Amino acid sequence: LAAAVAGEPSSLSLPPCAEPVSEDRLSAFYSKVGRFSEDELAHALWYGKHLEPSDCAALAHLLCSGGMGAGLTELVLAANDIGDAGVVALARAVVYGRLPRLASLNIYKTKMG
């Protein structure tokens, strides 16, 4: 998997970094976490923000479509209903190297599994 992400020849086919997301979905995500700029996003402390899998898809879309995650070091998604689908959406961004400085990821009580 790492070889495929690094651009080395492989028979492994990766899914896209993120699925397309509508403007309405992005607006719904921002209504829960607030608006932020690339420069402001170092610690995303979104505990109990009523996030759902579609919000994680919106976040993954933002991460994959720009450099937004470059400075993100802490992402707290605990006590949200993101489930397996939300974690998978974010995992794609990690696999594609969109969170290079992420040191702490809290996904406690997110209805995974």
C-alpha atoms as a PDB file:
ATOM      1  CA  LEU A   1       0.000   0.000   0.000  1.00  0.00           C
ATOM      2  CA  ALA A   2       2.773   2.439   0.891  1.00  0.00           C
ATOM      3  CA  ALA A   3       4.489   1.682  -2.428  1.00  0.00           C
ATOM      4  CA  ALA A   4       1.316   2.499  -4.328  1.00  0.00           C
ATOM      5  CA  VAL A   5       0.891   5.797  -2.471  1.00  0.00           C
ATOM      6  CA  ALA A   6       4.540   6.663  -3.163  1.00  0.00           C
ATOM      7  CA  GLY A   7       3.902   6.160  -6.881  1.00  0.00           C
ATOM      8  CA  GLU A   8       5.910   2.983  -7.212  1.00  0.00           C
ATOM      9  CA  PRO A   9       4.649   0.396  -9.698  1.00  0.00           C
ATOM     10  CA  SER A  10       2.135  -1.952  -8.153  1.00  0.00           C
ATOM     11  CA  SER A  11      -0.825  -4.061  -9.112  1.00  0.00           C
ATOM     12  CA  LEU A  12      -2.732  -2.540  -6.178  1.00  0.00           C
ATOM     13  CA  SER A  13      -5.441  -0.083  -7.136  1.00  0.00           C
ATOM     14  CA  LEU A  14      -6.304   2.555  -4.563  1.00  0.00           C
ATOM     15  CA  PRO A  15      -9.706   4.197  -4.200  1.00  0.00           C
ATOM     16  CA  PRO A  16      -9.776   7.964  -4.681  1.00  0.00           C
ATOM     17  CA  CYS A  17      -8.533  10.045  -1.754  1.00  0.00           C
ATOM     18  CA  ALA A  18     -12.096  11.244  -1.110  1.00  0.00           C
ATOM     19  CA  GLU A  19     -15.491  11.067  -2.721  1.00  0.00           C
ATOM     20  CA  PRO A  20     -16.989  14.295  -4.109  1.00  0.00           C
ATOM     21  CA  VAL A  21     -19.117  16.221  -1.596  1.00  0.00           C
ATOM     22  CA  SER A  22     -21.897  18.722  -2.310  1.00  0.00           C
ATOM     23  CA  GLU A  23     -21.805  22.334  -1.132  1.00  0.00           C
ATOM     24  CA  ASP A  24     -24.842  21.575   1.057  1.00  0.00           C
ATOM     25  CA  ARG A  25     -22.922  18.778   2.782  1.00  0.00           C
ATOM     26  CA  LEU A  26     -19.909  21.058   3.334  1.00  0.00           C
ATOM     27  CA  SER A  27     -22.191  23.747   4.773  1.00  0.00           C
ATOM     28  CA  ALA A  28     -23.742  21.215   7.152  1.00  0.00           C
ATOM     29  CA  PHE A  29     -20.255  20.167   8.298  1.00  0.00           C
ATOM     30  CA  TYR A  30     -19.176  23.793   8.864  1.00  0.00           C
ATOM     31  CA  SER A  31     -22.376  24.475  10.825  1.00  0.00           C
ATOM     32  CA  LYS A  32     -21.248  21.834  13.350  1.00  0.00           C
ATOM     33  CA  VAL A  33     -17.544  22.667  13.670  1.00  0.00           C
ATOM     34  CA  GLY A  34     -17.377  26.295  12.541  1.00  0.00           C
ATOM     35  CA  ARG A  35     -15.415  27.779   9.679  1.00  0.00           C
ATOM     36  CA  PHE A  36     -11.634  27.655   9.765  1.00  0.00           C
ATOM     37  CA  SER A  37      -8.707  28.395   7.522  1.00  0.00           C
ATOM     38  CA  GLU A  38      -5.769  26.169   6.674  1.00  0.00           C
ATOM     39  CA  ASP A  39      -3.537  28.215   8.964  1.00  0.00           C
ATOM     40  CA  GLU A  40      -5.914  27.965  11.940  1.00  0.00           C
ATOM     41  CA  LEU A  41      -6.294  24.215  11.879  1.00  0.00           C
ATOM     42  CA  ALA A  42      -3.668  22.690  14.173  1.00  0.00           C
ATOM     43  CA  HIS A  43      -5.939  21.262  16.861  1.00  0.00           C
ATOM     44  CA  ALA A  44      -9.408  20.161  15.734  1.00  0.00           C
ATOM     45  CA  LEU A  45     -11.124  19.513  19.065  1.00  0.00           C
ATOM     46  CA  TRP A  46     -14.524  18.355  17.867  1.00  0.00           C
ATOM     47  CA  TYR A  47     -15.662  16.276  20.853  1.00  0.00           C
ATOM     48  CA  GLY A  48     -19.426  15.717  20.892  1.00  0.00           C
ATOM     49  CA  LYS A  49     -20.225  17.921  17.873  1.00  0.00           C
ATOM     50  CA  HIS A  50     -22.908  15.507  16.590  1.00  0.00           C
ATOM     51  CA  LEU A  51     -20.725  14.542  13.637  1.00  0.00           C
ATOM     52  CA  GLU A  52     -21.903  11.734  11.355  1.00  0.00           C
ATOM     53  CA  PRO A  53     -20.212   9.686   8.630  1.00  0.00           C
ATOM     54  CA  SER A  54     -21.197  12.299   6.043  1.00  0.00           C
ATOM     55  CA  ASP A  55     -19.314  14.933   8.070  1.00  0.00           C
ATOM     56  CA  CYS A  56     -16.182  12.803   7.957  1.00  0.00           C
ATOM     57  CA  ALA A  57     -16.663  12.491   4.195  1.00  0.00           C
ATOM     58  CA  ALA A  58     -16.817  16.299   4.012  1.00  0.00           C
ATOM     59  CA  LEU A  59     -13.656  16.608   6.124  1.00  0.00           C
ATOM     60  CA  ALA A  60     -11.870  14.022   3.972  1.00  0.00           C
ATOM     61  CA  HIS A  61     -12.921  15.954   0.866  1.00  0.00           C
ATOM     62  CA  LEU A  62     -11.456  19.164   2.312  1.00  0.00           C
ATOM     63  CA  LEU A  63      -8.242  17.386   3.302  1.00  0.00           C
ATOM     64  CA  CYS A  64      -7.829  15.721  -0.077  1.00  0.00           C
ATOM     65  CA  SER A  65      -8.596  18.777  -2.176  1.00  0.00           C
ATOM     66  CA  GLY A  66      -5.934  21.044  -0.672  1.00  0.00           C
ATOM     67  CA  GLY A  67      -3.270  21.454   1.944  1.00  0.00           C
ATOM     68  CA  MET A  68      -5.698  21.923   4.809  1.00  0.00           C
ATOM     69  CA  GLY A  69      -4.354  19.030   6.884  1.00  0.00           C
ATOM     70  CA  ALA A  70      -0.685  19.936   6.568  1.00  0.00           C
ATOM     71  CA  GLY A  71      -0.515  21.551  10.013  1.00  0.00           C
ATOM     72  CA  LEU A  72      -3.089  19.419  11.811  1.00  0.00           C
ATOM     73  CA  THR A  73      -1.462  17.728  14.797  1.00  0.00           C
ATOM     74  CA  GLU A  74      -4.494  16.762  16.888  1.00  0.00           C
ATOM     75  CA  LEU A  75      -7.905  15.539  15.742  1.00  0.00           C
ATOM     76  CA  VAL A  76     -10.520  14.771  18.396  1.00  0.00           C
ATOM     77  CA  LEU A  77     -13.677  13.129  17.081  1.00  0.00           C
ATOM     78  CA  ALA A  78     -14.685  11.380  20.312  1.00  0.00           C
ATOM     79  CA  ALA A  79     -18.359  11.159  21.286  1.00  0.00           C
ATOM     80  CA  ASN A  80     -19.629  11.536  17.727  1.00  0.00           C
ATOM     81  CA  ASP A  81     -21.595   9.022  15.648  1.00  0.00           C
ATOM     82  CA  ILE A  82     -19.086   8.730  12.804  1.00  0.00           C
ATOM     83  CA  GLY A  83     -19.064   4.919  12.759  1.00  0.00           C
ATOM     84  CA  ASP A  84     -17.006   2.725  10.464  1.00  0.00           C
ATOM     85  CA  ALA A  85     -17.826   4.746   7.336  1.00  0.00           C
ATOM     86  CA  GLY A  86     -16.534   7.963   8.890  1.00  0.00           C
ATOM     87  CA  VAL A  87     -13.291   6.370  10.024  1.00  0.00           C
ATOM     88  CA  VAL A  88     -12.749   4.830   6.579  1.00  0.00           C
ATOM     89  CA  ALA A  89     -13.260   8.236   4.915  1.00  0.00           C
ATOM     90  CA  LEU A  90     -10.589   9.759   7.160  1.00  0.00           C
ATOM     91  CA  ALA A  91      -8.266   6.774   6.773  1.00  0.00           C
ATOM     92  CA  ARG A  92      -8.132   7.448   3.034  1.00  0.00           C
ATOM     93  CA  ALA A  93      -6.794  10.947   3.721  1.00  0.00           C
ATOM     94  CA  VAL A  94      -4.142   9.428   5.995  1.00  0.00           C
ATOM     95  CA  VAL A  95      -3.144   6.842   3.368  1.00  0.00           C
ATOM     96  CA  TYR A  96      -2.771   9.601   0.789  1.00  0.00           C
ATOM     97  CA  GLY A  97      -0.485  11.557   3.129  1.00  0.00           C
ATOM     98  CA  ARG A  98      -2.863  14.470   3.750  1.00  0.00           C
ATOM     99  CA  LEU A  99      -2.213  14.540   7.518  1.00  0.00           C
ATOM    100  CA  PRO A 100       1.594  14.440   7.705  1.00  0.00           C
ATOM    101  CA  ARG A 101       1.886  15.984  11.192  1.00  0.00           C
ATOM    102  CA  LEU A 102      -1.030  14.238  12.869  1.00  0.00           C
ATOM    103  CA  ALA A 103       0.246  13.024  16.244  1.00  0.00           C
ATOM    104  CA  SER A 104      -3.024  12.424  18.081  1.00  0.00           C
ATOM    105  CA  LEU A 105      -6.301  10.981  16.813  1.00  0.00           C
ATOM    106  CA  ASN A 106      -9.096  10.426  19.337  1.00  0.00           C
ATOM    107  CA  ILE A 107     -11.962   8.305  18.018  1.00  0.00           C
ATOM    108  CA  TYR A 108     -13.247   7.060  21.383  1.00  0.00           C
ATOM    109  CA  LYS A 109     -17.007   6.464  21.577  1.00  0.00           C
ATOM    110  CA  THR A 110     -17.650   6.938  17.848  1.00  0.00           C
ATOM    111  CA  LYS A 111     -19.833   3.856  17.276  1.00  0.00           C
ATOM    112  CA  MET A 112     -17.144   2.026  15.337  1.00  0.00           C
ATOM    113  CA  GLY A 113     -17.338  -1.697  14.860  1.00  0.00           C
END
